Amino acid sequence: MLIHYKTYRIEAVEQETDRWRAAISRLDGQPIKVAIPPGEHMVVITSVDSLTGKGAIDLAKQSKMAAE
């Protein structure tokens, strides 16, 4: 499952059965700045598992809204 949200590409990735996370990257190819630990990354993976791909994407969208 893949969506575009604002300036981000968010893809649900199944780590194991019923353990989904989201991979977040920018549509323009620029790195994403993260606060903890400080740095920049081309792809950021959510740190919390979800039971569904949609749940992982929703969590990623919430984290991007909180960062803005």
N, C-alpha and C. Protein backbone atom coordinates (compact mmCIF):
# COMPACT_ATOMS: atom_id res chain seq x y z
N MET A 1 0.86 -1.17 0.00
CA MET A 1 0.00 0.00 0.00
C MET A 1 0.90 1.23 0.00
N LEU A 2 0.63 2.14 -0.90
CA LEU A 2 1.44 3.34 -1.07
C LEU A 2 0.53 4.54 -1.25
N ILE A 3 0.84 5.64 -0.54
CA ILE A 3 0.07 6.87 -0.73
C ILE A 3 1.04 8.05 -0.81
N HIS A 4 0.54 9.15 -1.35
CA HIS A 4 1.24 10.43 -1.29
C HIS A 4 0.46 11.30 -0.33
N TYR A 5 1.15 11.88 0.64
CA TYR A 5 0.52 12.72 1.64
C TYR A 5 1.33 14.01 1.75
N LYS A 6 0.72 15.11 1.37
CA LYS A 6 1.38 16.41 1.32
C LYS A 6 2.64 16.26 0.46
N THR A 7 3.82 16.45 1.03
CA THR A 7 5.05 16.34 0.24
C THR A 7 5.79 15.03 0.51
N TYR A 8 5.05 14.02 1.00
CA TYR A 8 5.68 12.76 1.40
C TYR A 8 5.10 11.56 0.65
N ARG A 9 5.92 10.55 0.52
CA ARG A 9 5.51 9.25 0.00
C ARG A 9 5.52 8.31 1.20
N ILE A 10 4.40 7.66 1.47
CA ILE A 10 4.29 6.76 2.62
C ILE A 10 3.90 5.38 2.11
N GLU A 11 4.73 4.40 2.45
CA GLU A 11 4.48 3.03 2.00
C GLU A 11 4.40 2.11 3.20
N ALA A 12 3.33 1.31 3.27
CA ALA A 12 3.18 0.32 4.33
C ALA A 12 4.06 -0.88 4.01
N VAL A 13 4.80 -1.35 5.03
CA VAL A 13 5.71 -2.48 4.88
C VAL A 13 5.40 -3.49 5.98
N GLU A 14 5.15 -4.73 5.59
CA GLU A 14 4.85 -5.77 6.58
C GLU A 14 6.17 -6.39 7.05
N GLN A 15 6.54 -6.12 8.30
CA GLN A 15 7.78 -6.63 8.89
C GLN A 15 7.69 -8.14 9.12
N GLU A 16 6.58 -8.55 9.71
CA GLU A 16 6.24 -9.94 9.97
C GLU A 16 4.72 -10.02 9.86
N THR A 17 4.16 -11.20 10.00
CA THR A 17 2.71 -11.34 9.93
C THR A 17 2.04 -10.41 10.94
N ASP A 18 1.14 -9.56 10.46
CA ASP A 18 0.38 -8.60 11.28
C ASP A 18 1.27 -7.62 12.05
N ARG A 19 2.45 -7.31 11.52
CA ARG A 19 3.33 -6.30 12.12
C ARG A 19 3.75 -5.36 11.00
N TRP A 20 2.99 -4.27 10.88
CA TRP A 20 3.20 -3.32 9.80
C TRP A 20 3.87 -2.05 10.31
N ARG A 21 4.73 -1.49 9.49
CA ARG A 21 5.32 -0.18 9.74
C ARG A 21 5.22 0.62 8.45
N ALA A 22 5.52 1.90 8.54
CA ALA A 22 5.46 2.76 7.36
C ALA A 22 6.84 3.32 7.05
N ALA A 23 7.18 3.31 5.77
CA ALA A 23 8.41 3.93 5.29
C ALA A 23 8.03 5.28 4.69
N ILE A 24 8.65 6.34 5.20
CA ILE A 24 8.32 7.70 4.79
C ILE A 24 9.51 8.30 4.06
N SER A 25 9.25 8.87 2.89
CA SER A 25 10.29 9.59 2.15
C SER A 25 9.64 10.83 1.53
N ARG A 26 10.48 11.76 1.11
CA ARG A 26 9.96 12.98 0.50
C ARG A 26 9.80 12.78 -1.00
N LEU A 27 8.76 13.37 -1.57
CA LEU A 27 8.52 13.26 -3.00
C LEU A 27 9.59 13.96 -3.83
N ASP A 28 10.20 15.01 -3.27
CA ASP A 28 11.21 15.76 -4.02
C ASP A 28 12.62 15.16 -3.91
N GLY A 29 12.75 14.04 -3.19
CA GLY A 29 14.04 13.37 -3.08
C GLY A 29 14.99 13.95 -2.04
N GLN A 30 14.55 14.99 -1.33
CA GLN A 30 15.39 15.58 -0.29
C GLN A 30 15.33 14.73 0.98
N PRO A 31 16.38 14.79 1.82
CA PRO A 31 16.35 14.02 3.07
C PRO A 31 15.34 14.60 4.06
N ILE A 32 14.89 13.75 4.96
CA ILE A 32 13.96 14.15 6.01
C ILE A 32 14.77 14.46 7.26
N LYS A 33 14.54 15.61 7.85
CA LYS A 33 15.21 15.98 9.09
C LYS A 33 14.45 15.36 10.26
N VAL A 34 15.18 14.72 11.17
CA VAL A 34 14.57 14.13 12.37
C VAL A 34 15.22 14.74 13.60
N ALA A 35 14.43 14.83 14.67
CA ALA A 35 14.90 15.48 15.89
C ALA A 35 15.66 14.53 16.81
N ILE A 36 15.19 13.28 16.90
CA ILE A 36 15.79 12.34 17.87
C ILE A 36 16.07 11.03 17.16
N PRO A 37 17.30 10.59 17.04
CA PRO A 37 18.50 11.41 17.22
C PRO A 37 18.61 12.41 16.08
N PRO A 38 19.25 13.55 16.33
CA PRO A 38 19.34 14.58 15.30
C PRO A 38 20.02 14.05 14.04
N GLY A 39 19.45 14.39 12.90
CA GLY A 39 20.06 13.97 11.65
C GLY A 39 19.10 14.07 10.49
N GLU A 40 19.58 13.60 9.35
CA GLU A 40 18.77 13.59 8.14
C GLU A 40 18.83 12.19 7.54
N HIS A 41 17.69 11.74 7.02
CA HIS A 41 17.60 10.41 6.43
C HIS A 41 16.78 10.48 5.15
N MET A 42 17.14 9.65 4.19
CA MET A 42 16.38 9.59 2.95
C MET A 42 15.04 8.87 3.17
N VAL A 43 15.02 7.89 4.07
CA VAL A 43 13.80 7.14 4.41
C VAL A 43 13.74 7.01 5.93
N VAL A 44 12.57 7.28 6.47
CA VAL A 44 12.33 7.11 7.90
C VAL A 44 11.28 6.02 8.07
N ILE A 45 11.55 5.07 8.95
CA ILE A 45 10.61 3.98 9.24
C ILE A 45 9.96 4.26 10.59
N THR A 46 8.63 4.15 10.65
CA THR A 46 7.96 4.34 11.93
C THR A 46 8.48 3.33 12.94
N SER A 47 8.49 3.69 14.21
CA SER A 47 9.06 2.83 15.24
C SER A 47 8.03 1.97 15.96
N VAL A 48 6.77 2.13 15.62
CA VAL A 48 5.70 1.39 16.28
C VAL A 48 5.01 0.48 15.26
N ASP A 49 4.76 -0.76 15.66
CA ASP A 49 4.04 -1.70 14.78
C ASP A 49 2.55 -1.43 14.80
N SER A 50 1.90 -1.70 13.67
CA SER A 50 0.44 -1.65 13.55
C SER A 50 -0.03 -3.01 13.05
N LEU A 51 -1.30 -3.31 13.30
CA LEU A 51 -1.86 -4.59 12.86
C LEU A 51 -2.17 -4.60 11.37
N THR A 52 -2.34 -3.42 10.77
CA THR A 52 -2.69 -3.34 9.34
C THR A 52 -1.80 -2.32 8.65
N GLY A 53 -1.73 -2.42 7.33
CA GLY A 53 -1.00 -1.44 6.55
C GLY A 53 -1.62 -0.07 6.65
N LYS A 54 -2.95 -0.01 6.65
CA LYS A 54 -3.65 1.27 6.78
C LYS A 54 -3.33 1.91 8.12
N GLY A 55 -3.28 1.11 9.17
CA GLY A 55 -2.94 1.63 10.50
C GLY A 55 -1.54 2.22 10.53
N ALA A 56 -0.60 1.57 9.86
CA ALA A 56 0.77 2.08 9.81
C ALA A 56 0.83 3.40 9.06
N ILE A 57 0.08 3.51 7.97
CA ILE A 57 0.04 4.75 7.20
C ILE A 57 -0.62 5.86 8.01
N ASP A 58 -1.71 5.55 8.70
CA ASP A 58 -2.38 6.55 9.54
C ASP A 58 -1.44 7.07 10.62
N LEU A 59 -0.67 6.17 11.22
CA LEU A 59 0.30 6.57 12.25
C LEU A 59 1.37 7.49 11.66
N ALA A 60 1.84 7.16 10.46
CA ALA A 60 2.84 8.01 9.80
C ALA A 60 2.27 9.39 9.50
N LYS A 61 1.03 9.46 9.04
CA LYS A 61 0.40 10.75 8.76
C LYS A 61 0.27 11.57 10.04
N GLN A 62 -0.09 10.94 11.15
CA GLN A 62 -0.21 11.65 12.41
C GLN A 62 1.15 12.19 12.86
N SER A 63 2.21 11.40 12.67
CA SER A 63 3.53 11.86 13.08
C SER A 63 3.99 13.04 12.23
N LYS A 64 3.67 13.05 10.93
CA LYS A 64 4.04 14.18 10.08
C LYS A 64 3.24 15.42 10.45
N MET A 65 1.96 15.27 10.83
CA MET A 65 1.15 16.42 11.23
C MET A 65 1.69 17.00 12.53
N ALA A 66 2.14 16.15 13.46
CA ALA A 66 2.65 16.64 14.74
C ALA A 66 3.98 17.38 14.54
N ALA A 67 4.73 16.99 13.53
CA ALA A 67 6.05 17.62 13.29
C ALA A 67 5.92 18.99 12.63
N GLU A 68 4.77 19.29 12.07
CA GLU A 68 4.61 20.57 11.35
C GLU A 68 4.15 21.67 12.25
